[in-house]
Amino acid sequence: MRSRKIFAFFIFISVCILSFAGISSAQAPAPPTGEEMLFTTSTSPDALILIDLSGSMDDNPVGGSNKYGNSSCTGTFYSTSGTGHTTDCRKIEIAKRALFAVLDDNNDNVINSSDEGSLKVRVGFMRFRQGDDTAGIWSSGNSRVLCPIGSAYSRIFCANNTSCASTVSSCSNKGCQISGGTECVVGETATGGTPLAMSLYEAKVYLNAHKAADTYADCRQKFVILVSDGSDTYACGGDGQECKNAADAAGYSRRFKGRREVVAQAKALSDAGYKVFVIGFGASMPTYLQNTLNWAAYYGGTDAPNTANTGSTTGYNIPTGCDPNASPPVTTNCCDPVTNQTACYPSGVGTGCLGGYGPLC
């Protein structure tokens, strides 16, 4: 019973977010035996929740700025609240509600120590947004561990020492930030670009340090749950643009090298012993970004429990780093999902296609 309850932590966060995006949770099949084994240890596992807080997370699920919708955040979205469309459907708000539901393990609409006792998963909270970090320091900067693994659930969600009600909308004054701040899940805002690759790198640095100080390191599983809606906008010298001007040949390849680096960093986490569960957030995500997140999940060592796999897992032999000579070769054309898909690597055509490893909503 306990192993099923712990495994439900990942299952529930996937199904919960998908449900808020309008996909029925009733369609979720039974957990696969292989990944359930990840949670059967008698030592409580560690989960680092890694959330994308870049500016696009302020959009609705299909990418627009109108934020109000129906209770399931499907259909038409509106700029103002009104009859039949009173729910805030910005992706960041959907994620907050989903995380509340995960941490409120006994479903009594309050997050407190009782939930920690029943879920039996030690949780940490890390976020990324705004700009790139180059020093690889997980305790400060734009990619930052705000709440170390083992923090009270109520501190993670609302910066309260004892509890968070489902109606809470701001952070209290008992945060778990190492720097002494009170930033928390419910008070987060979305802004800036997406330092996704560096956040995965810093997550590994943090987990290595945490494991080194863990008395039960040899028998405790540690993993990352990544929630993101887009591609990295900074890795490999990128500045958020898919292409530069025609005179800048190197610029043509920056964004696909950045996407490749995201996959490489997910693989590095898995190689270090930390599985990476990937939840792609955004129904309008183009195919090449879906492929990127699916490859990140595959090389991160995980598989979505309620999505059928498609494509060949031998179709993309991931190189590491930003080497312009690594596969795939530098292209002299811009990524265009219609006219030049192969420049959108992992591409929307051919052997770069992969699906079903990271749930997309």
Protein backbone atom coordinates (compact mmCIF):
# COMPACT_ATOMS: atom_id res chain seq x y z
CA MET A 1 0.00 0.00 0.00
CA ARG A 2 2.74 2.44 0.91
CA SER A 3 4.61 1.96 -2.36
CA ARG A 4 1.42 2.62 -4.33
CA LYS A 5 0.80 5.78 -2.31
CA ILE A 6 4.30 7.10 -2.89
CA PHE A 7 4.22 6.25 -6.58
CA ALA A 8 0.95 8.19 -6.80
CA PHE A 9 2.96 11.34 -6.12
CA PHE A 10 4.22 11.42 -9.69
CA ILE A 11 1.08 9.91 -11.19
CA PHE A 12 -1.07 12.51 -9.45
CA ILE A 13 0.98 15.53 -10.45
CA SER A 14 0.81 14.39 -14.09
CA VAL A 15 -2.91 13.61 -14.04
CA CYS A 16 -3.72 16.67 -11.95
CA ILE A 17 -2.06 19.11 -14.33
CA LEU A 18 -3.55 17.33 -17.32
CA SER A 19 -7.00 17.51 -15.72
CA PHE A 20 -6.70 21.24 -15.12
CA ALA A 21 -5.80 21.59 -18.79
CA GLY A 22 -8.96 19.80 -19.82
CA ILE A 23 -7.80 16.21 -20.26
CA SER A 24 -9.77 13.66 -18.28
CA SER A 25 -7.89 11.99 -15.44
CA ALA A 26 -10.27 9.06 -15.67
CA GLN A 27 -8.35 7.85 -18.73
CA ALA A 28 -5.12 7.24 -16.78
CA PRO A 29 -4.15 3.56 -16.78
CA ALA A 30 -2.58 1.61 -13.93
CA PRO A 31 1.03 2.55 -13.10
CA PRO A 32 3.70 0.61 -15.01
CA THR A 33 5.51 -1.91 -12.87
CA GLY A 34 8.98 -0.72 -13.89
CA GLU A 35 8.64 2.81 -12.57
CA GLU A 36 6.63 1.83 -9.51
CA MET A 37 9.81 0.10 -8.38
CA LEU A 38 11.41 3.53 -8.06
CA PHE A 39 9.21 4.22 -5.04
CA THR A 40 9.15 0.88 -3.22
CA THR A 41 12.11 1.57 -0.94
CA SER A 42 11.31 1.77 2.78
CA THR A 43 13.28 5.02 2.96
CA SER A 44 11.20 8.05 1.95
CA PRO A 45 12.29 9.26 -1.50
CA ASP A 46 13.31 12.84 -2.27
CA ALA A 47 11.55 14.90 -4.95
CA LEU A 48 12.86 18.24 -6.22
CA ILE A 49 10.03 20.10 -7.95
CA LEU A 50 11.54 22.31 -10.68
CA ILE A 51 9.11 24.90 -12.05
CA ASP A 52 9.41 27.14 -15.09
CA LEU A 53 8.44 30.73 -14.14
CA SER A 54 9.37 32.35 -17.44
CA GLY A 55 7.06 34.95 -18.97
CA SER A 56 5.15 32.51 -21.18
CA MET A 57 3.81 30.75 -18.06
CA ASP A 58 1.60 33.84 -17.66
CA ASP A 59 -0.33 32.81 -20.80
CA ASN A 60 -3.36 30.55 -20.97
CA PRO A 61 -2.89 26.89 -22.08
CA VAL A 62 -3.16 27.73 -25.78
CA GLY A 63 -0.75 30.64 -25.60
CA GLY A 64 -2.94 33.73 -25.39
CA SER A 65 -3.09 36.51 -22.80
CA ASN A 66 -6.81 36.17 -21.98
CA LYS A 67 -6.69 34.44 -18.62
CA TYR A 68 -10.26 33.58 -17.63
CA GLY A 69 -11.93 30.34 -18.66
CA ASN A 70 -14.26 27.61 -17.46
CA SER A 71 -13.42 25.42 -14.46
CA SER A 72 -11.42 22.96 -16.59
CA CYS A 73 -9.61 25.72 -18.53
CA THR A 74 -10.81 24.49 -21.90
CA GLY A 75 -12.59 26.28 -24.72
CA THR A 76 -12.67 30.05 -25.10
CA PHE A 77 -10.65 32.37 -22.87
CA TYR A 78 -11.63 35.90 -21.86
CA SER A 79 -9.84 39.01 -20.66
CA THR A 80 -12.30 39.56 -17.80
CA SER A 81 -14.14 37.27 -15.42
CA GLY A 82 -17.80 36.60 -16.16
CA THR A 83 -20.56 34.01 -16.11
CA GLY A 84 -19.14 30.62 -17.02
CA HIS A 85 -15.55 31.86 -17.14
CA THR A 86 -14.34 32.79 -13.65
CA THR A 87 -11.29 30.53 -13.35
CA ASP A 88 -7.80 32.00 -13.70
CA CYS A 89 -6.37 29.76 -16.43
CA ARG A 90 -2.87 31.13 -16.71
CA LYS A 91 -0.45 28.23 -16.81
CA ILE A 92 1.29 29.39 -13.66
CA GLU A 93 -2.01 29.40 -11.76
CA ILE A 94 -2.95 25.95 -13.06
CA ALA A 95 0.43 24.69 -11.83
CA LYS A 96 -0.13 26.25 -8.39
CA ARG A 97 -3.51 24.55 -8.02
CA ALA A 98 -2.06 21.25 -9.15
CA LEU A 99 0.80 21.47 -6.66
CA PHE A 100 -1.61 22.32 -3.85
CA ALA A 101 -3.57 19.19 -4.71
CA VAL A 102 -0.39 17.11 -4.65
CA LEU A 103 0.81 18.45 -1.29
CA ASP A 104 -2.69 18.21 0.24
CA ASP A 105 -2.34 14.45 0.34
CA ASN A 106 -5.39 13.74 2.52
CA ASN A 107 -7.62 16.05 0.45
CA ASP A 108 -8.92 18.10 3.37
CA ASN A 109 -8.19 21.45 1.62
CA VAL A 110 -5.34 22.22 4.02
CA ILE A 111 -1.61 21.54 3.60
CA ASN A 112 -0.01 20.63 6.94
CA SER A 113 2.15 18.05 8.70
CA SER A 114 -0.54 15.38 8.32
CA ASP A 115 0.06 15.41 4.57
CA GLU A 116 3.80 14.95 5.06
CA GLY A 117 3.06 11.94 7.25
CA SER A 118 0.77 10.28 4.71
CA LEU A 119 2.59 11.09 1.46
CA LYS A 120 5.99 10.16 2.88
CA VAL A 121 7.95 11.99 0.19
CA ARG A 122 10.53 14.60 1.17
CA VAL A 123 9.99 17.55 -1.14
CA GLY A 124 12.10 20.50 -2.26
CA PHE A 125 11.20 23.45 -4.50
CA MET A 126 13.34 25.04 -7.20
CA ARG A 127 12.33 27.63 -9.79
CA PHE A 128 13.89 29.25 -12.86
CA ARG A 129 13.09 32.45 -14.77
CA GLN A 130 14.31 35.82 -16.08
CA GLY A 131 17.95 35.27 -17.08
CA ASP A 132 20.73 32.72 -17.36
CA ASP A 133 23.06 31.75 -14.51
CA THR A 134 26.58 30.86 -15.51
CA ALA A 135 28.19 30.17 -12.13
CA GLY A 136 26.17 27.02 -11.41
CA ILE A 137 25.25 28.15 -7.88
CA TRP A 138 21.92 26.63 -6.89
CA SER A 139 21.36 28.79 -3.78
CA SER A 140 21.12 32.14 -5.59
CA GLY A 141 20.36 33.68 -8.97
CA ASN A 142 17.61 33.10 -11.50
CA SER A 143 17.74 29.31 -11.17
CA ARG A 144 17.48 28.75 -7.45
CA VAL A 145 16.56 26.11 -4.88
CA LEU A 146 14.15 28.07 -2.70
CA CYS A 147 13.16 25.26 -0.35
CA PRO A 148 15.66 22.47 0.30
CA ILE A 149 14.48 18.89 0.26
CA GLY A 150 12.85 18.07 3.58
CA SER A 151 11.16 21.46 4.02
CA ALA A 152 7.68 21.56 5.51
CA TYR A 153 5.05 21.35 2.77
CA SER A 154 3.32 24.44 4.17
CA ARG A 155 6.52 26.45 3.94
CA ILE A 156 7.03 25.37 0.36
CA PHE A 157 3.54 26.33 -0.72
CA CYS A 158 2.64 29.44 1.29
CA ALA A 159 5.65 30.21 3.54
CA ASN A 160 3.66 29.36 6.64
CA ASN A 161 5.16 27.36 9.48
CA THR A 162 2.11 25.17 10.10
CA SER A 163 -0.56 25.16 7.34
CA CYS A 164 -1.92 26.53 4.05
CA ALA A 165 -5.63 26.68 3.27
CA SER A 166 -6.84 26.17 -0.29
CA THR A 167 -7.88 29.83 -0.40
CA VAL A 168 -4.41 31.20 0.35
CA SER A 169 -3.12 33.61 -2.29
CA SER A 170 0.10 35.09 -0.87
CA CYS A 171 3.21 34.07 1.03
CA SER A 172 3.41 34.34 4.81
CA ASN A 173 6.64 35.11 6.67
CA LYS A 174 8.01 31.62 7.41
CA GLY A 175 9.74 30.83 4.17
CA CYS A 176 12.26 28.05 3.73
CA GLN A 177 14.67 30.00 1.53
CA ILE A 178 18.30 29.46 2.40
CA SER A 179 18.85 33.20 1.98
CA GLY A 180 16.13 33.92 4.54
CA GLY A 181 13.49 35.13 2.06
CA THR A 182 9.84 34.18 2.02
CA GLU A 183 9.31 33.33 -1.66
CA CYS A 184 6.85 30.46 -2.02
CA VAL A 185 4.81 28.59 -4.64
CA VAL A 186 1.53 30.46 -4.24
CA GLY A 187 3.18 33.89 -4.44
CA GLU A 188 5.22 33.23 -7.58
CA THR A 189 4.93 35.34 -10.72
CA ALA A 190 6.10 34.64 -14.26
CA THR A 191 8.59 36.86 -16.05
CA GLY A 192 11.53 36.89 -18.47
CA GLY A 193 13.25 34.15 -20.41
CA THR A 194 13.81 30.44 -19.84
CA PRO A 195 17.19 29.24 -18.45
CA LEU A 196 16.07 25.61 -18.66
CA ALA A 197 19.39 23.87 -19.35
CA MET A 198 21.21 25.72 -16.57
CA SER A 199 18.43 25.00 -14.10
CA LEU A 200 18.80 21.27 -14.79
CA TYR A 201 22.54 21.57 -14.31
CA GLU A 202 22.11 23.42 -11.00
CA ALA A 203 19.52 20.85 -9.89
CA LYS A 204 22.19 18.17 -10.32
CA VAL A 205 24.75 20.23 -8.38
CA TYR A 206 22.23 20.61 -5.56
CA LEU A 207 21.24 16.93 -5.52
CA ASN A 208 24.90 15.90 -5.45
CA ALA A 209 25.51 18.10 -2.41
CA HIS A 210 22.31 16.91 -0.75
CA LYS A 211 23.20 13.27 -1.36
CA ALA A 212 26.68 13.74 0.06
CA ALA A 213 25.14 14.86 3.38
CA ASP A 214 22.41 12.19 3.42
CA THR A 215 22.97 9.40 5.94
CA TYR A 216 20.71 7.13 3.89
CA ALA A 217 22.10 8.11 0.49
CA ASP A 218 22.77 4.51 -0.54
CA CYS A 219 19.10 3.50 -0.26
CA ARG A 220 17.20 6.75 -0.89
CA GLN A 221 15.90 7.56 -4.36
CA LYS A 222 16.16 11.20 -5.46
CA PHE A 223 14.41 12.55 -8.53
CA VAL A 224 13.39 15.75 -10.32
CA ILE A 225 9.91 16.73 -11.50
CA LEU A 226 10.30 19.34 -14.25
CA VAL A 227 7.29 21.47 -15.23
CA SER A 228 8.01 23.66 -18.27
CA ASP A 229 6.17 25.16 -21.23
CA GLY A 230 8.97 25.95 -23.63
CA SER A 231 12.53 25.78 -24.87
CA ASP A 232 15.66 27.27 -23.36
CA THR A 233 16.26 30.85 -24.48
CA TYR A 234 19.81 31.28 -23.15
CA ALA A 235 21.89 28.08 -23.53
CA CYS A 236 24.78 27.99 -26.02
CA GLY A 237 24.89 31.75 -26.46
CA GLY A 238 21.20 32.14 -27.29
CA ASP A 239 19.28 35.35 -26.73
CA GLY A 240 15.72 34.14 -27.25
CA GLN A 241 15.68 34.53 -31.03
CA GLU A 242 15.43 31.47 -33.21
CA CYS A 243 17.78 33.04 -35.74
CA LYS A 244 20.03 36.04 -36.14
CA ASN A 245 20.48 38.02 -39.33
CA ALA A 246 21.81 36.41 -42.49
CA ALA A 247 25.39 37.51 -41.79
CA ASP A 248 25.50 35.62 -38.49
CA ALA A 249 25.82 31.97 -39.47
CA ALA A 250 26.48 30.84 -35.90
CA GLY A 251 23.26 32.45 -34.80
CA TYR A 252 21.30 30.14 -37.04
CA SER A 253 22.13 27.18 -34.87
CA ARG A 254 21.92 28.62 -31.37
CA ARG A 255 18.38 27.68 -30.49
CA PHE A 256 18.60 24.09 -31.67
CA LYS A 257 21.91 23.75 -29.82
CA GLY A 258 20.13 25.08 -26.73
CA ARG A 259 17.35 22.51 -27.14
CA ARG A 260 19.97 19.82 -27.55
CA GLU A 261 21.67 21.02 -24.36
CA VAL A 262 18.41 20.66 -22.41
CA VAL A 263 18.32 16.98 -23.37
CA ALA A 264 21.99 16.59 -22.47
CA GLN A 265 21.45 18.07 -18.99
CA ALA A 266 18.48 15.77 -18.37
CA LYS A 267 20.70 12.83 -19.34
CA ALA A 268 23.42 14.06 -16.99
CA LEU A 269 20.94 14.01 -14.10
CA SER A 270 19.86 10.48 -14.95
CA ASP A 271 23.47 9.33 -15.35
CA ALA A 272 24.13 10.69 -11.84
CA GLY A 273 21.27 8.57 -10.49
CA TYR A 274 18.47 11.16 -10.47
CA LYS A 275 15.52 10.34 -12.72
CA VAL A 276 13.84 13.31 -14.43
CA PHE A 277 10.06 13.35 -14.85
CA VAL A 278 9.08 15.92 -17.49
CA ILE A 279 5.66 17.57 -17.72
CA GLY A 280 5.29 19.70 -20.85
CA PHE A 281 2.92 22.59 -20.23
CA GLY A 282 1.13 24.16 -23.20
CA ALA A 283 -1.33 22.70 -25.70
CA SER A 284 0.03 24.93 -28.48
CA MET A 285 3.63 23.72 -28.10
CA PRO A 286 5.18 23.14 -31.56
CA THR A 287 6.26 19.64 -32.52
CA TYR A 288 9.99 20.30 -32.18
CA LEU A 289 9.51 21.48 -28.58
CA GLN A 290 7.37 18.44 -27.82
CA ASN A 291 10.20 16.30 -29.22
CA THR A 292 12.74 18.14 -27.07
CA LEU A 293 10.81 17.49 -23.85
CA ASN A 294 10.08 13.88 -24.82
CA TRP A 295 13.79 13.27 -25.47
CA ALA A 296 14.58 14.96 -22.13
CA ALA A 297 12.19 12.56 -20.39
CA TYR A 298 13.58 9.55 -22.27
CA TYR A 299 17.21 10.38 -21.52
CA GLY A 300 16.11 11.44 -18.03
CA GLY A 301 15.12 7.81 -17.48
CA THR A 302 11.34 8.16 -17.26
CA ASP A 303 8.17 7.42 -19.19
CA ALA A 304 4.73 9.09 -18.88
CA PRO A 305 2.29 6.61 -17.31
CA ASN A 306 -0.80 7.63 -19.27
CA THR A 307 0.54 8.33 -22.76
CA ALA A 308 1.39 5.81 -25.50
CA ASN A 309 4.98 5.88 -26.75
CA THR A 310 5.66 6.72 -30.38
CA GLY A 311 8.82 6.96 -32.48
CA SER A 312 12.15 5.22 -32.17
CA THR A 313 14.33 5.68 -29.09
CA THR A 314 17.41 5.03 -31.23
CA GLY A 315 16.69 7.99 -33.48
CA TYR A 316 18.69 10.57 -31.54
CA ASN A 317 22.11 9.81 -30.06
CA ILE A 318 22.50 12.80 -27.76
CA PRO A 319 25.84 14.61 -27.78
CA THR A 320 26.84 16.76 -24.84
CA GLY A 321 27.75 20.40 -24.64
CA CYS A 322 27.40 23.23 -27.15
CA ASP A 323 29.98 21.96 -29.65
CA PRO A 324 28.92 23.28 -33.08
CA ASN A 325 30.55 20.28 -34.75
CA ALA A 326 28.50 17.74 -32.80
CA SER A 327 25.48 16.02 -34.32
CA PRO A 328 23.33 17.45 -35.75
CA PRO A 329 25.54 19.60 -37.98
CA VAL A 330 25.19 23.37 -37.93
CA THR A 331 22.50 24.41 -40.35
CA THR A 332 22.64 27.52 -42.52
CA ASN A 333 18.89 27.99 -42.45
CA CYS A 334 16.46 29.15 -39.79
CA CYS A 335 14.07 26.86 -37.99
CA ASP A 336 10.65 27.01 -39.59
CA PRO A 337 8.07 24.38 -38.55
CA VAL A 338 6.52 24.53 -42.04
CA THR A 339 9.34 25.11 -44.56
CA ASN A 340 12.46 23.90 -42.75
CA GLN A 341 11.62 21.45 -39.97
CA THR A 342 15.05 19.81 -39.90
CA ALA A 343 16.53 23.04 -38.48
CA CYS A 344 14.15 22.73 -35.51
CA TYR A 345 16.19 19.93 -33.98
CA PRO A 346 15.07 17.61 -32.48
CA SER A 347 13.08 17.93 -35.68
CA GLY A 348 9.42 17.48 -36.38
CA VAL A 349 10.19 14.91 -39.05
CA GLY A 350 12.28 11.78 -39.48
CA THR A 351 14.21 10.05 -36.72
CA GLY A 352 14.07 13.03 -34.34
CA CYS A 353 10.40 12.34 -33.58
CA LEU A 354 9.56 10.90 -30.18
CA GLY A 355 6.35 10.97 -28.18
CA GLY A 356 4.74 9.71 -25.01
CA TYR A 357 7.63 10.01 -22.56
CA GLY A 358 6.74 13.38 -21.06
CA PRO A 359 3.02 14.20 -20.67
CA LEU A 360 2.03 17.30 -22.64
CA CYS A 361 -0.98 19.43 -21.79
